Amino acid sequence: MLGFPCNQFGVQEPGSDAEILDFATSKFDVTFPMFHKIEVNGDGAVPLYKWLKAEQPGAGDSAEITWNFEKFLVDGAGNVVERFAPTTTPEQVAETLRQYR
């Protein structure tokens, strides 16, 4: 699990990287790595998210990320094997992970 904060959705991540990390660890007990705040959509989208969206464009009219907490599953060989909606719970992702072990 890797976290990439983004402020493109309702200005939910306005703080600094340190403030976002503090909030995530104190409020949600996050233990996975949190990276620098990035853009995931539009001209400023980082290459990682351009690649993830190209590999798993999703089911909607657009491959754009719809909201914070959208998730991608990448297997050990580097293949993007699944994309999850923001509302997908960690427990639901865990069910899918069992298929790839």
N, C-alpha and C. Protein backbone atom coordinates (compact mmCIF):
# COMPACT_ATOMS: atom_id res chain seq x y z
N MET A 1 0.85 -1.17 0.00
CA MET A 1 0.00 0.00 0.00
C MET A 1 0.90 1.23 0.00
N LEU A 2 0.59 2.13 -0.89
CA LEU A 2 1.30 3.40 -0.99
C LEU A 2 0.27 4.52 -1.08
N GLY A 3 0.50 5.62 -0.40
CA GLY A 3 -0.44 6.74 -0.43
C GLY A 3 0.14 7.94 -1.15
N PHE A 4 -0.66 8.50 -2.07
CA PHE A 4 -0.25 9.68 -2.82
C PHE A 4 -1.32 10.76 -2.62
N PRO A 5 -1.12 11.67 -1.68
CA PRO A 5 -2.10 12.72 -1.45
C PRO A 5 -2.30 13.58 -2.70
N CYS A 6 -3.53 14.06 -2.87
CA CYS A 6 -3.88 14.90 -4.01
C CYS A 6 -4.91 15.92 -3.56
N ASN A 7 -4.75 17.15 -3.97
CA ASN A 7 -5.66 18.21 -3.57
C ASN A 7 -6.62 18.60 -4.69
N GLN A 8 -6.80 17.73 -5.68
CA GLN A 8 -7.66 18.04 -6.81
C GLN A 8 -9.13 17.70 -6.57
N PHE A 9 -9.48 17.22 -5.41
CA PHE A 9 -10.85 16.77 -5.15
C PHE A 9 -11.41 17.50 -3.94
N GLY A 10 -12.16 18.55 -4.19
CA GLY A 10 -12.80 19.28 -3.11
C GLY A 10 -11.82 19.91 -2.13
N VAL A 11 -10.61 20.15 -2.55
CA VAL A 11 -9.57 20.74 -1.72
C VAL A 11 -9.47 20.00 -0.37
N GLN A 12 -9.45 18.67 -0.43
CA GLN A 12 -9.38 17.85 0.78
C GLN A 12 -7.97 17.73 1.35
N GLU A 13 -6.96 18.06 0.58
CA GLU A 13 -5.57 17.92 1.04
C GLU A 13 -4.82 19.24 0.90
N PRO A 14 -5.29 20.31 1.58
CA PRO A 14 -4.65 21.61 1.40
C PRO A 14 -3.32 21.76 2.14
N GLY A 15 -3.04 20.89 3.10
CA GLY A 15 -1.87 21.06 3.94
C GLY A 15 -0.57 20.67 3.27
N SER A 16 0.50 20.85 4.03
CA SER A 16 1.83 20.43 3.58
C SER A 16 1.92 18.91 3.65
N ASP A 17 2.96 18.36 3.07
CA ASP A 17 3.17 16.91 3.15
C ASP A 17 3.23 16.45 4.60
N ALA A 18 3.93 17.20 5.45
CA ALA A 18 4.05 16.84 6.87
C ALA A 18 2.69 16.89 7.57
N GLU A 19 1.89 17.89 7.26
CA GLU A 19 0.55 17.99 7.87
C GLU A 19 -0.36 16.85 7.42
N ILE A 20 -0.27 16.50 6.15
CA ILE A 20 -1.08 15.39 5.63
C ILE A 20 -0.68 14.08 6.29
N LEU A 21 0.62 13.84 6.41
CA LEU A 21 1.11 12.63 7.07
C LEU A 21 0.66 12.58 8.52
N ASP A 22 0.78 13.69 9.23
CA ASP A 22 0.35 13.73 10.63
C ASP A 22 -1.14 13.42 10.76
N PHE A 23 -1.95 14.01 9.90
CA PHE A 23 -3.40 13.76 9.92
C PHE A 23 -3.70 12.28 9.63
N ALA A 24 -3.06 11.74 8.60
CA ALA A 24 -3.33 10.34 8.22
C ALA A 24 -2.92 9.36 9.31
N THR A 25 -1.80 9.62 9.96
CA THR A 25 -1.34 8.70 11.00
C THR A 25 -2.12 8.86 12.30
N SER A 26 -2.47 10.10 12.67
CA SER A 26 -3.17 10.30 13.93
C SER A 26 -4.66 9.98 13.83
N LYS A 27 -5.28 10.26 12.70
CA LYS A 27 -6.73 10.06 12.55
C LYS A 27 -7.07 8.65 12.07
N PHE A 28 -6.23 8.09 11.18
CA PHE A 28 -6.57 6.80 10.55
C PHE A 28 -5.54 5.71 10.83
N ASP A 29 -4.55 6.00 11.66
CA ASP A 29 -3.52 5.02 12.02
C ASP A 29 -2.82 4.44 10.79
N VAL A 30 -2.58 5.28 9.79
CA VAL A 30 -1.91 4.87 8.57
C VAL A 30 -0.48 4.46 8.88
N THR A 31 -0.09 3.32 8.38
CA THR A 31 1.28 2.83 8.57
C THR A 31 2.02 2.64 7.26
N PHE A 32 1.33 2.81 6.13
CA PHE A 32 1.99 2.65 4.83
C PHE A 32 2.66 3.96 4.43
N PRO A 33 3.61 3.88 3.49
CA PRO A 33 4.31 5.10 3.06
C PRO A 33 3.38 6.12 2.42
N MET A 34 3.54 7.37 2.83
CA MET A 34 2.81 8.49 2.24
C MET A 34 3.83 9.32 1.47
N PHE A 35 3.54 9.59 0.22
CA PHE A 35 4.45 10.31 -0.65
C PHE A 35 4.07 11.79 -0.74
N HIS A 36 4.86 12.52 -1.49
CA HIS A 36 4.63 13.94 -1.74
C HIS A 36 3.29 14.14 -2.44
N LYS A 37 2.61 15.22 -2.13
CA LYS A 37 1.33 15.55 -2.76
C LYS A 37 1.55 15.71 -4.27
N ILE A 38 0.64 15.10 -5.05
CA ILE A 38 0.77 15.10 -6.51
C ILE A 38 -0.55 15.47 -7.16
N GLU A 39 -0.51 15.63 -8.48
CA GLU A 39 -1.73 15.75 -9.28
C GLU A 39 -1.91 14.43 -10.02
N VAL A 40 -3.16 14.00 -10.10
CA VAL A 40 -3.46 12.71 -10.74
C VAL A 40 -4.27 12.86 -12.02
N ASN A 41 -4.82 14.04 -12.25
CA ASN A 41 -5.62 14.32 -13.45
C ASN A 41 -5.10 15.57 -14.15
N GLY A 42 -5.46 15.70 -15.41
CA GLY A 42 -5.15 16.91 -16.16
C GLY A 42 -3.71 16.96 -16.64
N ASP A 43 -3.34 18.14 -17.11
CA ASP A 43 -2.00 18.34 -17.67
C ASP A 43 -0.90 18.11 -16.65
N GLY A 44 -1.18 18.34 -15.38
CA GLY A 44 -0.17 18.18 -14.34
C GLY A 44 -0.08 16.79 -13.74
N ALA A 45 -0.85 15.83 -14.27
CA ALA A 45 -0.82 14.48 -13.72
C ALA A 45 0.59 13.90 -13.83
N VAL A 46 1.03 13.28 -12.75
CA VAL A 46 2.36 12.68 -12.73
C VAL A 46 2.38 11.43 -13.63
N PRO A 47 3.54 11.08 -14.17
CA PRO A 47 3.63 9.91 -15.07
C PRO A 47 3.08 8.63 -14.46
N LEU A 48 3.27 8.40 -13.18
CA LEU A 48 2.76 7.19 -12.55
C LEU A 48 1.25 7.07 -12.77
N TYR A 49 0.53 8.15 -12.53
CA TYR A 49 -0.93 8.08 -12.66
C TYR A 49 -1.38 8.07 -14.11
N LYS A 50 -0.62 8.68 -14.99
CA LYS A 50 -0.93 8.55 -16.42
C LYS A 50 -0.85 7.08 -16.82
N TRP A 51 0.18 6.39 -16.36
CA TRP A 51 0.36 4.97 -16.66
C TRP A 51 -0.73 4.12 -16.03
N LEU A 52 -1.01 4.34 -14.73
CA LEU A 52 -2.04 3.56 -14.05
C LEU A 52 -3.39 3.68 -14.77
N LYS A 53 -3.75 4.91 -15.14
CA LYS A 53 -5.04 5.14 -15.81
C LYS A 53 -5.06 4.53 -17.21
N ALA A 54 -3.93 4.53 -17.91
CA ALA A 54 -3.86 3.93 -19.24
C ALA A 54 -4.02 2.41 -19.14
N GLU A 55 -3.45 1.82 -18.11
CA GLU A 55 -3.50 0.37 -17.94
C GLU A 55 -4.87 -0.12 -17.45
N GLN A 56 -5.50 0.68 -16.60
CA GLN A 56 -6.83 0.35 -16.05
C GLN A 56 -7.70 1.59 -16.13
N PRO A 57 -8.32 1.83 -17.30
CA PRO A 57 -9.07 3.08 -17.49
C PRO A 57 -10.36 3.19 -16.68
N GLY A 58 -10.81 2.14 -16.07
CA GLY A 58 -12.03 2.21 -15.28
C GLY A 58 -13.27 2.00 -16.13
N ALA A 59 -14.42 2.06 -15.47
CA ALA A 59 -15.67 1.73 -16.14
C ALA A 59 -16.47 2.94 -16.60
N GLY A 60 -16.04 4.13 -16.24
CA GLY A 60 -16.81 5.33 -16.57
C GLY A 60 -16.53 5.85 -17.97
N ASP A 61 -17.01 7.06 -18.22
CA ASP A 61 -16.82 7.70 -19.51
C ASP A 61 -15.39 8.22 -19.70
N SER A 62 -14.65 8.31 -18.61
CA SER A 62 -13.31 8.87 -18.64
C SER A 62 -12.39 8.03 -17.75
N ALA A 63 -11.12 8.00 -18.08
CA ALA A 63 -10.14 7.29 -17.25
C ALA A 63 -9.70 8.13 -16.06
N GLU A 64 -10.16 9.38 -15.98
CA GLU A 64 -9.72 10.26 -14.90
C GLU A 64 -10.06 9.68 -13.53
N ILE A 65 -9.22 10.01 -12.56
CA ILE A 65 -9.49 9.63 -11.18
C ILE A 65 -10.71 10.41 -10.72
N THR A 66 -11.65 9.72 -10.07
CA THR A 66 -12.91 10.36 -9.72
C THR A 66 -12.91 11.03 -8.35
N TRP A 67 -12.10 10.54 -7.42
CA TRP A 67 -12.07 11.10 -6.08
C TRP A 67 -10.89 10.52 -5.33
N ASN A 68 -10.51 11.16 -4.24
CA ASN A 68 -9.46 10.60 -3.38
C ASN A 68 -9.85 9.18 -2.96
N PHE A 69 -8.88 8.38 -2.70
CA PHE A 69 -9.02 7.00 -2.24
C PHE A 69 -9.33 6.02 -3.36
N GLU A 70 -9.25 6.47 -4.62
CA GLU A 70 -9.31 5.52 -5.72
C GLU A 70 -8.03 4.68 -5.64
N LYS A 71 -8.14 3.39 -5.92
CA LYS A 71 -7.03 2.47 -5.68
C LYS A 71 -6.69 1.66 -6.92
N PHE A 72 -5.42 1.31 -7.06
CA PHE A 72 -4.95 0.43 -8.13
C PHE A 72 -4.18 -0.72 -7.50
N LEU A 73 -4.34 -1.90 -8.04
CA LEU A 73 -3.60 -3.07 -7.60
C LEU A 73 -2.58 -3.42 -8.68
N VAL A 74 -1.31 -3.43 -8.29
CA VAL A 74 -0.22 -3.77 -9.19
C VAL A 74 0.39 -5.07 -8.68
N ASP A 75 0.52 -6.08 -9.55
CA ASP A 75 1.07 -7.36 -9.11
C ASP A 75 2.59 -7.31 -9.03
N GLY A 76 3.18 -8.42 -8.59
CA GLY A 76 4.63 -8.49 -8.39
C GLY A 76 5.44 -8.32 -9.66
N ALA A 77 4.80 -8.54 -10.81
CA ALA A 77 5.48 -8.38 -12.10
C ALA A 77 5.32 -6.96 -12.66
N GLY A 78 4.62 -6.10 -11.93
CA GLY A 78 4.44 -4.72 -12.37
C GLY A 78 3.24 -4.50 -13.27
N ASN A 79 2.33 -5.47 -13.32
CA ASN A 79 1.12 -5.33 -14.12
C ASN A 79 0.01 -4.69 -13.28
N VAL A 80 -0.67 -3.70 -13.85
CA VAL A 80 -1.81 -3.09 -13.17
C VAL A 80 -3.00 -4.01 -13.41
N VAL A 81 -3.40 -4.73 -12.37
CA VAL A 81 -4.39 -5.79 -12.56
C VAL A 81 -5.81 -5.41 -12.16
N GLU A 82 -5.95 -4.35 -11.39
CA GLU A 82 -7.31 -3.96 -10.99
C GLU A 82 -7.33 -2.51 -10.55
N ARG A 83 -8.49 -1.91 -10.73
CA ARG A 83 -8.75 -0.54 -10.28
C ARG A 83 -9.99 -0.58 -9.41
N PHE A 84 -9.94 0.12 -8.28
CA PHE A 84 -11.03 0.11 -7.32
C PHE A 84 -11.59 1.52 -7.14
N ALA A 85 -12.90 1.60 -7.02
CA ALA A 85 -13.57 2.88 -6.78
C ALA A 85 -13.17 3.43 -5.42
N PRO A 86 -13.30 4.74 -5.23
CA PRO A 86 -12.96 5.34 -3.94
C PRO A 86 -13.74 4.74 -2.77
N THR A 87 -14.94 4.25 -3.04
CA THR A 87 -15.77 3.69 -1.97
C THR A 87 -15.42 2.26 -1.62
N THR A 88 -14.55 1.63 -2.36
CA THR A 88 -14.14 0.26 -2.06
C THR A 88 -13.37 0.26 -0.75
N THR A 89 -13.76 -0.62 0.15
CA THR A 89 -13.14 -0.66 1.48
C THR A 89 -11.83 -1.46 1.44
N PRO A 90 -10.96 -1.24 2.42
CA PRO A 90 -9.75 -2.05 2.50
C PRO A 90 -10.07 -3.55 2.60
N GLU A 91 -11.16 -3.88 3.27
CA GLU A 91 -11.55 -5.29 3.38
C GLU A 91 -11.89 -5.89 2.02
N GLN A 92 -12.55 -5.10 1.18
CA GLN A 92 -12.88 -5.57 -0.17
C GLN A 92 -11.62 -5.74 -1.01
N VAL A 93 -10.68 -4.83 -0.86
CA VAL A 93 -9.41 -4.95 -1.58
C VAL A 93 -8.68 -6.20 -1.10
N ALA A 94 -8.71 -6.47 0.20
CA ALA A 94 -8.05 -7.66 0.76
C ALA A 94 -8.60 -8.93 0.13
N GLU A 95 -9.90 -8.97 -0.13
CA GLU A 95 -10.49 -10.15 -0.78
C GLU A 95 -9.87 -10.36 -2.15
N THR A 96 -9.69 -9.31 -2.90
CA THR A 96 -9.08 -9.41 -4.23
C THR A 96 -7.61 -9.80 -4.12
N LEU A 97 -6.91 -9.26 -3.13
CA LEU A 97 -5.49 -9.57 -2.96
C LEU A 97 -5.25 -11.07 -2.79
N ARG A 98 -6.17 -11.74 -2.16
CA ARG A 98 -6.02 -13.19 -1.94
C ARG A 98 -5.88 -13.95 -3.26
N GLN A 99 -6.44 -13.42 -4.32
CA GLN A 99 -6.35 -14.07 -5.63
C GLN A 99 -4.93 -14.03 -6.19
N TYR A 100 -4.13 -13.09 -5.74
CA TYR A 100 -2.81 -12.87 -6.33
C TYR A 100 -1.68 -13.39 -5.44
N ARG A 101 -2.00 -14.11 -4.42
CA ARG A 101 -0.96 -14.67 -3.53
C ARG A 101 -0.61 -16.06 -3.95
